[in-house]
Protein backbone atom coordinates (compact mmCIF):
# COMPACT_ATOMS: atom_id res chain seq x y z
CA UNK A 1 -9.88 -11.18 5.45
CA UNK A 2 -12.41 -10.17 8.14
CA UNK A 3 -12.66 -6.66 8.33
CA UNK A 4 -12.97 -6.67 4.24
CA UNK A 5 -16.26 -8.52 4.76
CA UNK A 6 -17.38 -5.69 6.89
CA UNK A 7 -16.19 -2.88 4.83
CA UNK A 8 -17.95 -3.73 2.17
CA UNK A 9 -21.30 -4.66 4.51
CA UNK A 10 -20.14 -0.72 6.20
CA UNK A 11 -20.49 1.02 2.43
CA UNK A 12 -24.11 -0.33 1.91
CA UNK A 13 -25.49 0.18 5.67
CA UNK A 14 -23.68 4.13 5.45
CA UNK A 15 -25.45 5.45 2.40
CA UNK A 16 -28.27 4.13 4.40
CA UNK A 17 -29.79 1.19 1.95
CA UNK A 18 -30.81 -1.65 4.03
CA UNK A 19 -29.45 -5.43 2.86
CA UNK A 20 -31.57 -7.42 0.20
CA UNK A 21 -31.33 -11.25 1.02
CA UNK A 22 -29.61 -11.93 -2.32
CA UNK A 23 -26.59 -9.51 -0.80
CA UNK A 24 -26.86 -11.03 2.57
CA UNK A 25 -26.11 -14.60 1.04
CA UNK A 26 -24.16 -13.26 -1.50
CA UNK A 27 -21.97 -12.30 1.21
CA UNK A 28 -22.42 -15.13 3.51
CA UNK A 29 -20.91 -17.61 0.47
CA UNK A 30 -17.94 -15.14 0.04
CA UNK A 31 -17.34 -15.59 3.14
CA UNK A 32 -16.99 -18.79 3.68
CA UNK A 33 -15.20 -19.35 0.23
CA UNK A 34 -11.44 -20.69 1.49
CA UNK A 35 -8.46 -17.82 0.61
CA UNK A 36 -6.79 -20.15 -2.12
CA UNK A 37 -10.98 -19.83 -3.55
CA UNK A 38 -10.90 -15.95 -3.30
CA UNK A 39 -7.53 -15.49 -4.75
CA UNK A 40 -8.43 -17.62 -8.71
CA UNK A 41 -12.56 -16.28 -7.84
CA UNK A 42 -9.87 -12.48 -8.21
CA UNK A 43 -7.31 -13.65 -10.54
CA UNK A 44 -9.96 -14.60 -13.34
CA UNK A 45 -11.79 -11.57 -12.90
CA UNK A 46 -8.67 -9.03 -13.62
CA UNK A 47 -7.54 -11.77 -16.66
CA UNK A 48 -10.54 -11.18 -17.44
CA UNK A 49 -10.70 -7.60 -17.11
CA UNK A 50 -7.60 -7.03 -18.54
CA UNK A 51 -8.04 -8.90 -21.63
CA UNK A 52 -11.09 -7.85 -22.09
CA UNK A 53 -9.97 -3.94 -22.19
CA UNK A 54 -6.09 -5.37 -24.05
CA UNK A 55 -8.67 -6.62 -26.83
CA UNK A 56 -11.30 -4.22 -27.43
CA UNK A 57 -8.21 -1.78 -27.26
CA UNK A 58 -6.07 -3.64 -29.97
CA UNK A 59 -9.81 -3.68 -31.76
CA UNK A 60 -9.73 0.26 -31.30
CA UNK A 61 -6.77 1.69 -31.12
CA UNK A 62 -5.61 -1.56 -34.30
CA UNK A 63 -7.14 0.48 -36.98
CA UNK A 64 -4.94 3.94 -37.16
CA UNK A 65 -2.19 2.12 -37.09
CA UNK A 66 -1.69 0.88 -41.01
CA UNK A 67 0.38 -2.26 -41.92
């Protein structure tokens, strides 16, 4: 897990953008989270994204289908 947080930091630094105070605090909070809380956060984001995509897809493509 430690390598992932440094990759995020390295990506921002490679583009030549200095980290803002808010970004440094966010990275610090993420690093302090336990593994199970990180898993819940990532899982909730994934489920929410999939649910939104599924809903929008149903609304858009559902119109083409006749009942």
